[in-house]
Amino acid sequence: MPDRCAIFIDGGYIKKVLMRFGKPRISYLALSERLRGGKERLRTYYYDCAPYVSSPPDPEELERAESFDRFKRTIEQESRFQVRLGRLQKIWTPGGEKFTQKMVDILLTCDLLKLALEHQISQAVLIAGDNDFVPAIQIAKDAGTVVQLYYSQDPNPHEELLAAC
């Protein structure tokens, strides 16, 4: 197995963390270089959803969409980066509209398992807080991949996720 790592960033999670600090701009390339721990970085994956845009869109939705597109293009221009997008679903509830991410966690899970089971990486670095990843982490570990979790205390990651990593 090569001494390589892949970095998996849950965009929804890291955005929540960064909002605590006033939404500072960060270099995802510098973050990836720091997290690779001396190993070759196969790739950094960033998982998220584009903002919801109604039909016809209002000016605020258009601005959010344009801002996200600029962010996505910037990240995709970095060496060995890939943005993987799910979709945002609008749900009507008695309390009003609510938005839910779809396919984001499964995209991350599929990439983690593919790289681990094909022995393309010896280490997976995960920036997330969701316990949905626990089964995939267990399988990756069984395949010989070391899984490291980077997280913030607020929002706290799920205890099962901490235990799995």
Protein backbone atom coordinates (compact mmCIF):
# COMPACT_ATOMS: atom_id res chain seq x y z
CA MET A 1 0.00 0.00 0.00
CA PRO A 2 1.47 3.39 -0.94
CA ASP A 3 2.20 5.87 1.83
CA ARG A 4 -0.47 8.28 0.60
CA CYS A 5 -3.40 10.06 2.14
CA ALA A 6 -6.65 11.51 0.93
CA ILE A 7 -8.43 14.34 2.68
CA PHE A 8 -12.22 14.38 2.89
CA ILE A 9 -13.89 17.67 3.84
CA ASP A 10 -17.58 17.84 4.69
CA GLY A 11 -18.33 21.36 3.43
CA GLY A 12 -21.48 21.75 5.53
CA TYR A 13 -19.55 20.87 8.69
CA ILE A 14 -16.56 23.11 8.03
CA LYS A 15 -18.86 26.03 7.14
CA LYS A 16 -20.59 25.67 10.54
CA VAL A 17 -17.20 25.66 12.26
CA LEU A 18 -15.96 28.70 10.34
CA MET A 19 -19.16 30.65 11.07
CA ARG A 20 -18.19 30.56 14.76
CA PHE A 21 -15.14 32.63 13.81
CA GLY A 22 -16.93 35.15 11.59
CA LYS A 23 -16.49 33.12 8.36
CA PRO A 24 -12.76 33.69 7.85
CA ARG A 25 -11.25 32.89 4.48
CA ILE A 26 -8.98 29.89 4.65
CA SER A 27 -6.66 28.26 2.18
CA TYR A 28 -7.87 24.72 1.63
CA LEU A 29 -4.57 23.94 -0.05
CA ALA A 30 -2.60 25.07 3.03
CA LEU A 31 -4.99 23.14 5.26
CA SER A 32 -4.53 20.01 3.14
CA GLU A 33 -0.76 20.35 3.16
CA ARG A 34 -0.77 20.60 6.95
CA LEU A 35 -3.11 17.65 7.42
CA ARG A 36 -1.25 15.28 5.10
CA GLY A 37 1.36 14.73 7.79
CA GLY A 38 4.32 14.23 5.46
CA LYS A 39 2.52 11.68 3.30
CA GLU A 40 1.89 12.18 -0.38
CA ARG A 41 -1.55 13.72 -0.83
CA LEU A 42 -3.44 11.77 -3.44
CA ARG A 43 -6.32 14.22 -3.47
CA THR A 44 -8.45 16.51 -1.34
CA TYR A 45 -12.18 16.06 -1.76
CA TYR A 46 -14.61 18.80 -0.79
CA TYR A 47 -18.27 17.74 -0.45
CA ASP A 48 -21.16 20.17 -0.45
CA CYS A 49 -24.33 21.33 -2.19
CA ALA A 50 -24.82 24.38 -4.34
CA PRO A 51 -27.27 26.83 -2.77
CA TYR A 52 -30.93 26.45 -3.54
CA VAL A 53 -32.17 28.59 -6.42
CA SER A 54 -35.91 28.90 -7.02
CA SER A 55 -37.52 29.41 -10.38
CA PRO A 56 -37.44 32.29 -11.06
CA PRO A 57 -34.56 33.11 -8.71
CA ASP A 58 -34.56 36.22 -6.55
CA PRO A 59 -31.48 38.50 -6.49
CA GLU A 60 -30.25 37.11 -3.15
CA GLU A 61 -30.39 33.54 -4.47
CA LEU A 62 -28.49 34.57 -7.59
CA GLU A 63 -25.77 36.23 -5.51
CA ARG A 64 -25.41 33.14 -3.28
CA ALA A 65 -25.21 30.91 -6.37
CA GLU A 66 -22.60 33.12 -8.04
CA SER A 67 -20.56 33.26 -4.84
CA PHE A 68 -20.66 29.47 -4.52
CA ASP A 69 -19.65 29.04 -8.19
CA ARG A 70 -16.62 31.33 -7.63
CA PHE A 71 -15.67 29.34 -4.51
CA LYS A 72 -16.03 26.04 -6.38
CA ARG A 73 -13.91 27.24 -9.32
CA THR A 74 -11.21 28.48 -6.93
CA ILE A 75 -10.98 25.15 -5.13
CA GLU A 76 -11.05 23.13 -8.35
CA GLN A 77 -8.07 25.10 -9.65
CA GLU A 78 -5.92 23.88 -6.77
CA SER A 79 -3.65 20.93 -7.43
CA ARG A 80 -5.21 17.56 -6.61
CA PHE A 81 -8.57 18.95 -5.49
CA GLN A 82 -12.00 17.71 -6.42
CA VAL A 83 -15.37 19.16 -5.50
CA ARG A 84 -18.18 16.64 -5.24
CA LEU A 85 -21.72 18.02 -5.12
CA GLY A 86 -24.94 16.60 -3.83
CA ARG A 87 -28.13 18.57 -4.12
CA LEU A 88 -30.14 20.73 -1.79
CA GLN A 89 -33.76 19.73 -1.32
CA LYS A 90 -36.41 22.18 -0.18
CA ILE A 91 -38.94 20.70 2.23
CA TRP A 92 -42.08 22.41 3.46
CA THR A 93 -42.76 21.92 7.16
CA PRO A 94 -45.44 23.38 9.48
CA GLY A 95 -42.75 25.80 10.68
CA GLY A 96 -41.86 26.94 7.16
CA GLU A 97 -39.39 25.85 4.53
CA LYS A 98 -36.36 23.76 5.40
CA PHE A 99 -33.39 22.69 3.28
CA THR A 100 -31.77 19.27 3.44
CA GLN A 101 -28.58 18.04 1.77
CA LYS A 102 -28.97 14.94 -0.37
CA MET A 103 -26.19 12.57 -1.53
CA VAL A 104 -23.33 14.47 0.14
CA ASP A 105 -22.57 11.86 2.82
CA ILE A 106 -22.90 8.99 0.36
CA LEU A 107 -20.49 10.64 -2.08
CA LEU A 108 -17.89 10.96 0.69
CA THR A 109 -18.55 7.38 1.80
CA CYS A 110 -18.15 5.99 -1.73
CA ASP A 111 -14.86 7.83 -2.29
CA LEU A 112 -13.46 6.76 1.08
CA LEU A 113 -14.37 3.12 0.51
CA LYS A 114 -13.12 3.04 -3.09
CA LEU A 115 -9.70 4.44 -2.16
CA ALA A 116 -9.37 2.27 0.96
CA LEU A 117 -10.52 -1.00 -0.63
CA GLU A 118 -8.34 -0.46 -3.70
CA HIS A 119 -5.40 0.26 -1.34
CA GLN A 120 -4.72 3.60 -3.00
CA ILE A 121 -4.27 5.30 0.38
CA SER A 122 -2.78 4.34 3.72
CA GLN A 123 -4.43 7.22 5.56
CA ALA A 124 -7.75 9.04 5.30
CA VAL A 125 -8.13 12.45 6.93
CA LEU A 126 -11.73 13.35 7.63
CA ILE A 127 -13.08 16.78 8.56
CA ALA A 128 -16.63 16.05 9.66
CA GLY A 129 -18.88 15.60 12.64
CA ASP A 130 -21.55 13.21 11.40
CA ASN A 131 -21.87 9.63 12.64
CA ASP A 132 -23.27 8.53 9.25
CA PHE A 133 -19.65 7.85 8.27
CA VAL A 134 -19.00 5.29 11.02
CA PRO A 135 -19.76 2.13 8.96
CA ALA A 136 -17.54 3.32 6.10
CA ILE A 137 -14.76 4.18 8.55
CA GLN A 138 -14.93 0.68 10.02
CA ILE A 139 -14.63 -0.90 6.56
CA ALA A 140 -11.73 1.42 5.61
CA LYS A 141 -9.93 0.52 8.84
CA ASP A 142 -10.50 -3.20 8.18
CA ALA A 143 -8.84 -2.66 4.78
CA GLY A 144 -5.75 -1.25 6.54
CA THR A 145 -6.42 2.47 6.17
CA VAL A 146 -5.75 4.67 9.17
CA VAL A 147 -8.60 7.17 9.57
CA GLN A 148 -7.92 10.45 11.34
CA LEU A 149 -10.66 12.85 12.35
CA TYR A 150 -10.19 16.61 12.56
CA TYR A 151 -13.01 18.47 14.23
CA SER A 152 -14.06 21.43 16.31
CA GLN A 153 -15.47 21.37 19.82
CA ASP A 154 -18.37 23.46 18.55
CA PRO A 155 -20.19 21.87 16.87
CA ASN A 156 -19.05 18.71 18.65
CA PRO A 157 -18.65 15.63 16.48
CA HIS A 158 -20.83 12.66 17.29
CA GLU A 159 -19.35 10.35 19.96
CA GLU A 160 -19.60 7.30 17.65
CA LEU A 161 -17.54 9.12 15.06
CA LEU A 162 -14.87 9.98 17.62
CA ALA A 163 -14.75 6.37 18.80
CA ALA A 164 -14.51 5.00 15.24
CA CYS A 165 -11.55 7.20 14.36
